[in-house]
Amino acid sequence: MKAQESEVLENIRKKIATDGSDSQTTESSLASLSPKELLSSESAEEKARKSQTTQKVQQEIEKLRQTLGQRKVVKELPKEVETA
């Protein structure tokens, strides 16, 4: 998390430096950045990792649903169980 924040700040500094020294340009460039844009600066590797994690979670959820579905099936009990 801290590394991501540092990267975001560094990107902002670079953007400010490339916009020129005009203060109005700097203010407008900062105002045009939304928090979502600042936080969405994830690397492609991080996005791929999150995608894989999401897929694995979805697979586990599906397995659990199938197991639960099998549990809901009512099975006939043997006569020995009823007489006991």
PDB file of N, CA and C in Angstrom:
ATOM      1  N   MET A   1       0.836  -1.189   0.000  1.00  0.00           N
ATOM      2  CA  MET A   1       0.000   0.000   0.000  1.00  0.00           C
ATOM      3  C   MET A   1       0.880   1.251   0.000  1.00  0.00           C
ATOM      4  N   LYS A   2       1.899   1.220   0.854  1.00  0.00           N
ATOM      5  CA  LYS A   2       2.780   2.369   0.963  1.00  0.00           C
ATOM      6  C   LYS A   2       3.557   2.569  -0.339  1.00  0.00           C
ATOM      7  N   ALA A   3       3.957   1.463  -0.961  1.00  0.00           N
ATOM      8  CA  ALA A   3       4.673   1.547  -2.231  1.00  0.00           C
ATOM      9  C   ALA A   3       3.783   2.147  -3.311  1.00  0.00           C
ATOM     10  N   GLN A   4       2.512   1.775  -3.296  1.00  0.00           N
ATOM     11  CA  GLN A   4       1.579   2.306  -4.286  1.00  0.00           C
ATOM     12  C   GLN A   4       1.394   3.813  -4.081  1.00  0.00           C
ATOM     13  N   GLU A   5       1.284   4.250  -2.824  1.00  0.00           N
ATOM     14  CA  GLU A   5       1.136   5.668  -2.541  1.00  0.00           C
ATOM     15  C   GLU A   5       2.366   6.442  -2.991  1.00  0.00           C
ATOM     16  N   SER A   6       3.543   5.870  -2.750  1.00  0.00           N
ATOM     17  CA  SER A   6       4.783   6.517  -3.182  1.00  0.00           C
ATOM     18  C   SER A   6       4.827   6.638  -4.696  1.00  0.00           C
ATOM     19  N   GLU A   7       4.384   5.583  -5.375  1.00  0.00           N
ATOM     20  CA  GLU A   7       4.365   5.599  -6.836  1.00  0.00           C
ATOM     21  C   GLU A   7       3.392   6.662  -7.354  1.00  0.00           C
ATOM     22  N   VAL A   8       2.248   6.773  -6.713  1.00  0.00           N
ATOM     23  CA  VAL A   8       1.250   7.771  -7.120  1.00  0.00           C
ATOM     24  C   VAL A   8       1.819   9.173  -6.934  1.00  0.00           C
ATOM     25  N   LEU A   9       2.461   9.410  -5.790  1.00  0.00           N
ATOM     26  CA  LEU A   9       3.047  10.727  -5.546  1.00  0.00           C
ATOM     27  C   LEU A   9       4.142  11.038  -6.560  1.00  0.00           C
ATOM     28  N   GLU A  10       4.952  10.064  -6.878  1.00  0.00           N
ATOM     29  CA  GLU A  10       6.012  10.262  -7.862  1.00  0.00           C
ATOM     30  C   GLU A  10       5.417  10.589  -9.236  1.00  0.00           C
ATOM     31  N   ASN A  11       4.341   9.903  -9.608  1.00  0.00           N
ATOM     32  CA  ASN A  11       3.676  10.191 -10.882  1.00  0.00           C
ATOM     33  C   ASN A  11       3.119  11.610 -10.910  1.00  0.00           C
ATOM     34  N   ILE A  12       2.581  12.049  -9.788  1.00  0.00           N
ATOM     35  CA  ILE A  12       2.046  13.416  -9.706  1.00  0.00           C
ATOM     36  C   ILE A  12       3.183  14.418  -9.850  1.00  0.00           C
ATOM     37  N   ARG A  13       4.289  14.159  -9.160  1.00  0.00           N
ATOM     38  CA  ARG A  13       5.439  15.065  -9.259  1.00  0.00           C
ATOM     39  C   ARG A  13       5.944  15.158 -10.695  1.00  0.00           C
ATOM     40  N   LYS A  14       6.021  14.016 -11.372  1.00  0.00           N
ATOM     41  CA  LYS A  14       6.482  14.011 -12.759  1.00  0.00           C
ATOM     42  C   LYS A  14       5.518  14.795 -13.650  1.00  0.00           C
ATOM     43  N   LYS A  15       4.223  14.598 -13.416  1.00  0.00           N
ATOM     44  CA  LYS A  15       3.230  15.287 -14.227  1.00  0.00           C
ATOM     45  C   LYS A  15       3.311  16.795 -14.004  1.00  0.00           C
ATOM     46  N   ILE A  16       3.499  17.192 -12.747  1.00  0.00           N
ATOM     47  CA  ILE A  16       3.621  18.615 -12.434  1.00  0.00           C
ATOM     48  C   ILE A  16       4.874  19.183 -13.091  1.00  0.00           C
ATOM     49  N   ALA A  17       5.966  18.446 -13.039  1.00  0.00           N
ATOM     50  CA  ALA A  17       7.224  18.919 -13.620  1.00  0.00           C
ATOM     51  C   ALA A  17       7.119  19.058 -15.136  1.00  0.00           C
ATOM     52  N   THR A  18       6.392  18.176 -15.795  1.00  0.00           N
ATOM     53  CA  THR A  18       6.280  18.233 -17.253  1.00  0.00           C
ATOM     54  C   THR A  18       5.257  19.263 -17.726  1.00  0.00           C
ATOM     55  N   ASP A  19       4.367  19.678 -16.830  1.00  0.00           N
ATOM     56  CA  ASP A  19       3.357  20.670 -17.220  1.00  0.00           C
ATOM     57  C   ASP A  19       3.924  22.079 -17.328  1.00  0.00           C
ATOM     58  N   GLY A  20       5.094  22.324 -16.824  1.00  0.00           N
ATOM     59  CA  GLY A  20       5.686  23.657 -16.892  1.00  0.00           C
ATOM     60  C   GLY A  20       5.613  24.339 -15.546  1.00  0.00           C
ATOM     61  N   SER A  21       6.139  25.531 -15.480  1.00  0.00           N
ATOM     62  CA  SER A  21       6.232  26.236 -14.197  1.00  0.00           C
ATOM     63  C   SER A  21       5.057  27.173 -13.970  1.00  0.00           C
ATOM     64  N   ASP A  22       4.158  27.284 -14.890  1.00  0.00           N
ATOM     65  CA  ASP A  22       2.990  28.152 -14.738  1.00  0.00           C
ATOM     66  C   ASP A  22       2.096  27.625 -13.635  1.00  0.00           C
ATOM     67  N   SER A  23       1.804  28.426 -12.648  1.00  0.00           N
ATOM     68  CA  SER A  23       1.027  27.961 -11.496  1.00  0.00           C
ATOM     69  C   SER A  23      -0.408  27.618 -11.875  1.00  0.00           C
ATOM     70  N   GLN A  24      -0.979  28.334 -12.836  1.00  0.00           N
ATOM     71  CA  GLN A  24      -2.345  28.018 -13.246  1.00  0.00           C
ATOM     72  C   GLN A  24      -2.397  26.648 -13.915  1.00  0.00           C
ATOM     73  N   THR A  25      -1.400  26.330 -14.689  1.00  0.00           N
ATOM     74  CA  THR A  25      -1.345  25.026 -15.340  1.00  0.00           C
ATOM     75  C   THR A  25      -1.226  23.933 -14.296  1.00  0.00           C
ATOM     76  N   THR A  26      -0.397  24.167 -13.287  1.00  0.00           N
ATOM     77  CA  THR A  26      -0.205  23.190 -12.227  1.00  0.00           C
ATOM     78  C   THR A  26      -1.500  22.972 -11.446  1.00  0.00           C
ATOM     79  N   GLU A  27      -2.172  24.044 -11.098  1.00  0.00           N
ATOM     80  CA  GLU A  27      -3.427  23.923 -10.358  1.00  0.00           C
ATOM     81  C   GLU A  27      -4.481  23.197 -11.180  1.00  0.00           C
ATOM     82  N   SER A  28      -4.569  23.504 -12.448  1.00  0.00           N
ATOM     83  CA  SER A  28      -5.579  22.854 -13.279  1.00  0.00           C
ATOM     84  C   SER A  28      -5.258  21.382 -13.481  1.00  0.00           C
ATOM     85  N   SER A  29      -3.962  21.042 -13.574  1.00  0.00           N
ATOM     86  CA  SER A  29      -3.609  19.635 -13.744  1.00  0.00           C
ATOM     87  C   SER A  29      -3.911  18.846 -12.481  1.00  0.00           C
ATOM     88  N   LEU A  30      -3.696  19.447 -11.322  1.00  0.00           N
ATOM     89  CA  LEU A  30      -4.024  18.759 -10.075  1.00  0.00           C
ATOM     90  C   LEU A  30      -5.526  18.632  -9.898  1.00  0.00           C
ATOM     91  N   ALA A  31      -6.256  19.647 -10.299  1.00  0.00           N
ATOM     92  CA  ALA A  31      -7.707  19.613 -10.165  1.00  0.00           C
ATOM     93  C   ALA A  31      -8.316  18.586 -11.109  1.00  0.00           C
ATOM     94  N   SER A  32      -7.661  18.343 -12.239  1.00  0.00           N
ATOM     95  CA  SER A  32      -8.215  17.406 -13.207  1.00  0.00           C
ATOM     96  C   SER A  32      -8.004  15.949 -12.793  1.00  0.00           C
ATOM     97  N   LEU A  33      -7.137  15.696 -11.826  1.00  0.00           N
ATOM     98  CA  LEU A  33      -6.898  14.329 -11.360  1.00  0.00           C
ATOM     99  C   LEU A  33      -7.921  13.962 -10.295  1.00  0.00           C
ATOM    100  N   SER A  34      -8.618  12.882 -10.543  1.00  0.00           N
ATOM    101  CA  SER A  34      -9.573  12.406  -9.543  1.00  0.00           C
ATOM    102  C   SER A  34      -8.888  11.371  -8.663  1.00  0.00           C
ATOM    103  N   PRO A  35      -9.413  11.136  -7.465  1.00  0.00           N
ATOM    104  CA  PRO A  35      -8.819  10.099  -6.608  1.00  0.00           C
ATOM    105  C   PRO A  35      -8.799   8.725  -7.268  1.00  0.00           C
ATOM    106  N   LYS A  36      -9.808   8.426  -8.065  1.00  0.00           N
ATOM    107  CA  LYS A  36      -9.830   7.134  -8.754  1.00  0.00           C
ATOM    108  C   LYS A  36      -8.669   7.015  -9.723  1.00  0.00           C
ATOM    109  N   GLU A  37      -8.369   8.111 -10.429  1.00  0.00           N
ATOM    110  CA  GLU A  37      -7.234   8.090 -11.354  1.00  0.00           C
ATOM    111  C   GLU A  37      -5.926   7.891 -10.616  1.00  0.00           C
ATOM    112  N   LEU A  38      -5.813   8.518  -9.458  1.00  0.00           N
ATOM    113  CA  LEU A  38      -4.584   8.384  -8.682  1.00  0.00           C
ATOM    114  C   LEU A  38      -4.395   6.958  -8.181  1.00  0.00           C
ATOM    115  N   LEU A  39      -5.467   6.337  -7.757  1.00  0.00           N
ATOM    116  CA  LEU A  39      -5.373   4.992  -7.214  1.00  0.00           C
ATOM    117  C   LEU A  39      -5.389   3.909  -8.289  1.00  0.00           C
ATOM    118  N   SER A  40      -5.805   4.250  -9.485  1.00  0.00           N
ATOM    119  CA  SER A  40      -5.898   3.250 -10.541  1.00  0.00           C
ATOM    120  C   SER A  40      -4.577   3.061 -11.279  1.00  0.00           C
ATOM    121  N   SER A  41      -3.508   3.565 -10.730  1.00  0.00           N
ATOM    122  CA  SER A  41      -2.211   3.432 -11.398  1.00  0.00           C
ATOM    123  C   SER A  41      -1.562   2.095 -11.055  1.00  0.00           C
ATOM    124  N   GLU A  42      -2.346   1.028 -11.106  1.00  0.00           N
ATOM    125  CA  GLU A  42      -1.841  -0.309 -10.835  1.00  0.00           C
ATOM    126  C   GLU A  42      -1.046  -0.801 -12.032  1.00  0.00           C
ATOM    127  N   SER A  43      -0.051  -1.579 -11.755  1.00  0.00           N
ATOM    128  CA  SER A  43       0.739  -2.142 -12.843  1.00  0.00           C
ATOM    129  C   SER A  43      -0.037  -3.281 -13.498  1.00  0.00           C
ATOM    130  N   ALA A  44       0.375  -3.637 -14.686  1.00  0.00           N
ATOM    131  CA  ALA A  44      -0.284  -4.736 -15.402  1.00  0.00           C
ATOM    132  C   ALA A  44      -0.107  -6.043 -14.633  1.00  0.00           C
ATOM    133  N   GLU A  45       1.047  -6.189 -13.996  1.00  0.00           N
ATOM    134  CA  GLU A  45       1.310  -7.400 -13.218  1.00  0.00           C
ATOM    135  C   GLU A  45       0.347  -7.514 -12.038  1.00  0.00           C
ATOM    136  N   GLU A  46       0.099  -6.396 -11.378  1.00  0.00           N
ATOM    137  CA  GLU A  46      -0.818  -6.405 -10.238  1.00  0.00           C
ATOM    138  C   GLU A  46      -2.250  -6.703 -10.690  1.00  0.00           C
ATOM    139  N   LYS A  47      -2.640  -6.160 -11.824  1.00  0.00           N
ATOM    140  CA  LYS A  47      -3.979  -6.430 -12.351  1.00  0.00           C
ATOM    141  C   LYS A  47      -4.131  -7.900 -12.716  1.00  0.00           C
ATOM    142  N   ALA A  48      -3.085  -8.487 -13.307  1.00  0.00           N
ATOM    143  CA  ALA A  48      -3.123  -9.901 -13.675  1.00  0.00           C
ATOM    144  C   ALA A  48      -3.229 -10.773 -12.426  1.00  0.00           C
ATOM    145  N   ARG A  49      -2.496 -10.406 -11.379  1.00  0.00           N
ATOM    146  CA  ARG A  49      -2.539 -11.163 -10.126  1.00  0.00           C
ATOM    147  C   ARG A  49      -3.936 -11.100  -9.506  1.00  0.00           C
ATOM    148  N   LYS A  50      -4.533  -9.922  -9.524  1.00  0.00           N
ATOM    149  CA  LYS A  50      -5.883  -9.779  -8.976  1.00  0.00           C
ATOM    150  C   LYS A  50      -6.889 -10.587  -9.794  1.00  0.00           C
ATOM    151  N   SER A  51      -6.699 -10.618 -11.099  1.00  0.00           N
ATOM    152  CA  SER A  51      -7.590 -11.377 -11.970  1.00  0.00           C
ATOM    153  C   SER A  51      -7.505 -12.866 -11.657  1.00  0.00           C
ATOM    154  N   GLN A  52      -6.282 -13.361 -11.479  1.00  0.00           N
ATOM    155  CA  GLN A  52      -6.098 -14.776 -11.153  1.00  0.00           C
ATOM    156  C   GLN A  52      -6.729 -15.087  -9.801  1.00  0.00           C
ATOM    157  N   THR A  53      -6.549 -14.204  -8.840  1.00  0.00           N
ATOM    158  CA  THR A  53      -7.120 -14.415  -7.518  1.00  0.00           C
ATOM    159  C   THR A  53      -8.639 -14.456  -7.602  1.00  0.00           C
ATOM    160  N   THR A  54      -9.208 -13.561  -8.374  1.00  0.00           N
ATOM    161  CA  THR A  54     -10.656 -13.517  -8.539  1.00  0.00           C
ATOM    162  C   THR A  54     -11.164 -14.814  -9.158  1.00  0.00           C
ATOM    163  N   GLN A  55     -10.455 -15.311 -10.156  1.00  0.00           N
ATOM    164  CA  GLN A  55     -10.858 -16.559 -10.803  1.00  0.00           C
ATOM    165  C   GLN A  55     -10.804 -17.721  -9.813  1.00  0.00           C
ATOM    166  N   LYS A  56      -9.768 -17.786  -9.003  1.00  0.00           N
ATOM    167  CA  LYS A  56      -9.639 -18.871  -8.027  1.00  0.00           C
ATOM    168  C   LYS A  56     -10.763 -18.804  -6.997  1.00  0.00           C
ATOM    169  N   VAL A  57     -11.100 -17.609  -6.555  1.00  0.00           N
ATOM    170  CA  VAL A  57     -12.184 -17.446  -5.579  1.00  0.00           C
ATOM    171  C   VAL A  57     -13.500 -17.893  -6.188  1.00  0.00           C
ATOM    172  N   GLN A  58     -13.747 -17.521  -7.441  1.00  0.00           N
ATOM    173  CA  GLN A  58     -14.987 -17.922  -8.103  1.00  0.00           C
ATOM    174  C   GLN A  58     -15.073 -19.436  -8.247  1.00  0.00           C
ATOM    175  N   GLN A  59     -13.934 -20.081  -8.538  1.00  0.00           N
ATOM    176  CA  GLN A  59     -13.913 -21.542  -8.639  1.00  0.00           C
ATOM    177  C   GLN A  59     -14.231 -22.177  -7.291  1.00  0.00           C
ATOM    178  N   GLU A  60     -13.662 -21.660  -6.222  1.00  0.00           N
ATOM    179  CA  GLU A  60     -13.928 -22.192  -4.887  1.00  0.00           C
ATOM    180  C   GLU A  60     -15.401 -22.009  -4.512  1.00  0.00           C
ATOM    181  N   ILE A  61     -15.957 -20.864  -4.845  1.00  0.00           N
ATOM    182  CA  ILE A  61     -17.373 -20.606  -4.559  1.00  0.00           C
ATOM    183  C   ILE A  61     -18.242 -21.618  -5.288  1.00  0.00           C
ATOM    184  N   GLU A  62     -17.912 -21.893  -6.542  1.00  0.00           N
ATOM    185  CA  GLU A  62     -18.699 -22.857  -7.323  1.00  0.00           C
ATOM    186  C   GLU A  62     -18.600 -24.259  -6.715  1.00  0.00           C
ATOM    187  N   LYS A  63     -17.410 -24.650  -6.277  1.00  0.00           N
ATOM    188  CA  LYS A  63     -17.245 -25.956  -5.633  1.00  0.00           C
ATOM    189  C   LYS A  63     -18.091 -26.044  -4.362  1.00  0.00           C
ATOM    190  N   LEU A  64     -18.087 -24.987  -3.565  1.00  0.00           N
ATOM    191  CA  LEU A  64     -18.875 -24.974  -2.332  1.00  0.00           C
ATOM    192  C   LEU A  64     -20.369 -25.027  -2.629  1.00  0.00           C
ATOM    193  N   ARG A  65     -20.802 -24.344  -3.684  1.00  0.00           N
ATOM    194  CA  ARG A  65     -22.218 -24.397  -4.067  1.00  0.00           C
ATOM    195  C   ARG A  65     -22.623 -25.815  -4.462  1.00  0.00           C
ATOM    196  N   GLN A  66     -21.753 -26.494  -5.195  1.00  0.00           N
ATOM    197  CA  GLN A  66     -22.057 -27.868  -5.601  1.00  0.00           C
ATOM    198  C   GLN A  66     -22.142 -28.773  -4.378  1.00  0.00           C
ATOM    199  N   THR A  67     -21.216 -28.602  -3.446  1.00  0.00           N
ATOM    200  CA  THR A  67     -21.234 -29.407  -2.220  1.00  0.00           C
ATOM    201  C   THR A  67     -22.507 -29.142  -1.427  1.00  0.00           C
ATOM    202  N   LEU A  68     -22.873 -27.892  -1.308  1.00  0.00           N
ATOM    203  CA  LEU A  68     -24.093 -27.543  -0.580  1.00  0.00           C
ATOM    204  C   LEU A  68     -25.314 -28.089  -1.287  1.00  0.00           C
ATOM    205  N   GLY A  69     -25.315 -28.044  -2.603  1.00  0.00           N
ATOM    206  CA  GLY A  69     -26.435 -28.582  -3.371  1.00  0.00           C
ATOM    207  C   GLY A  69     -26.601 -30.076  -3.145  1.00  0.00           C
ATOM    208  N   GLN A  70     -25.489 -30.784  -3.005  1.00  0.00           N
ATOM    209  CA  GLN A  70     -25.556 -32.214  -2.741  1.00  0.00           C
ATOM    210  C   GLN A  70     -26.080 -32.497  -1.343  1.00  0.00           C
ATOM    211  N   ARG A  71     -25.775 -31.624  -0.414  1.00  0.00           N
ATOM    212  CA  ARG A  71     -26.257 -31.814   0.957  1.00  0.00           C
ATOM    213  C   ARG A  71     -27.764 -31.647   1.056  1.00  0.00           C
ATOM    214  N   LYS A  72     -28.320 -30.813   0.200  1.00  0.00           N
ATOM    215  CA  LYS A  72     -29.751 -30.536   0.268  1.00  0.00           C
ATOM    216  C   LYS A  72     -30.600 -31.692  -0.230  1.00  0.00           C
ATOM    217  N   VAL A  73     -29.993 -32.645  -0.925  1.00  0.00           N
ATOM    218  CA  VAL A  73     -30.731 -33.783  -1.453  1.00  0.00           C
ATOM    219  C   VAL A  73     -31.133 -34.689  -0.286  1.00  0.00           C
ATOM    220  N   VAL A  74     -32.426 -34.959  -0.178  1.00  0.00           N
ATOM    221  CA  VAL A  74     -32.925 -35.817   0.895  1.00  0.00           C
ATOM    222  C   VAL A  74     -32.785 -37.267   0.462  1.00  0.00           C
ATOM    223  N   LYS A  75     -32.128 -38.022   1.321  1.00  0.00           N
ATOM    224  CA  LYS A  75     -31.921 -39.434   1.019  1.00  0.00           C
ATOM    225  C   LYS A  75     -32.794 -40.273   1.955  1.00  0.00           C
ATOM    226  N   GLU A  76     -33.258 -41.403   1.446  1.00  0.00           N
ATOM    227  CA  GLU A  76     -34.062 -42.293   2.258  1.00  0.00           C
ATOM    228  C   GLU A  76     -33.168 -42.959   3.283  1.00  0.00           C
ATOM    229  N   LEU A  77     -33.663 -43.031   4.513  1.00  0.00           N
ATOM    230  CA  LEU A  77     -32.911 -43.690   5.564  1.00  0.00           C
ATOM    231  C   LEU A  77     -33.211 -45.182   5.562  1.00  0.00           C
ATOM    232  N   PRO A  78     -32.222 -45.978   5.901  1.00  0.00           N
ATOM    233  CA  PRO A  78     -32.491 -47.408   6.002  1.00  0.00           C
ATOM    234  C   PRO A  78     -33.478 -47.704   7.128  1.00  0.00           C
ATOM    235  N   LYS A  79     -34.170 -48.841   7.052  1.00  0.00           N
ATOM    236  CA  LYS A  79     -35.150 -49.235   8.062  1.00  0.00           C
ATOM    237  C   LYS A  79     -34.511 -49.379   9.451  1.00  0.00           C
ATOM    238  N   GLU A  80     -33.244 -49.800   9.511  1.00  0.00           N
ATOM    239  CA  GLU A  80     -32.578 -49.968  10.793  1.00  0.00           C
ATOM    240  C   GLU A  80     -32.502 -48.669  11.569  1.00  0.00           C
ATOM    241  N   VAL A  81     -32.326 -47.564  10.855  1.00  0.00           N
ATOM    242  CA  VAL A  81     -32.225 -46.270  11.512  1.00  0.00           C
ATOM    243  C   VAL A  81     -33.580 -45.872  12.093  1.00  0.00           C
ATOM    244  N   GLU A  82     -34.668 -46.176  11.402  1.00  0.00           N
ATOM    245  CA  GLU A  82     -36.005 -45.826  11.878  1.00  0.00           C
ATOM    246  C   GLU A  82     -36.392 -46.654  13.079  1.00  0.00           C
ATOM    247  N   THR A  83     -35.983 -47.901  13.119  1.00  0.00           N
ATOM    248  CA  THR A  83     -36.369 -48.758  14.259  1.00  0.00           C
ATOM    249  C   THR A  83     -35.516 -48.488  15.483  1.00  0.00           C
ATOM    250  N   ALA A  84     -34.372 -47.871  15.342  1.00  0.00           N
ATOM    251  CA  ALA A  84     -33.476 -47.627  16.488  1.00  0.00           C
ATOM    252  C   ALA A  84     -33.944 -46.543  17.357  1.00  0.00           C
TER     253      ALA A  84
END
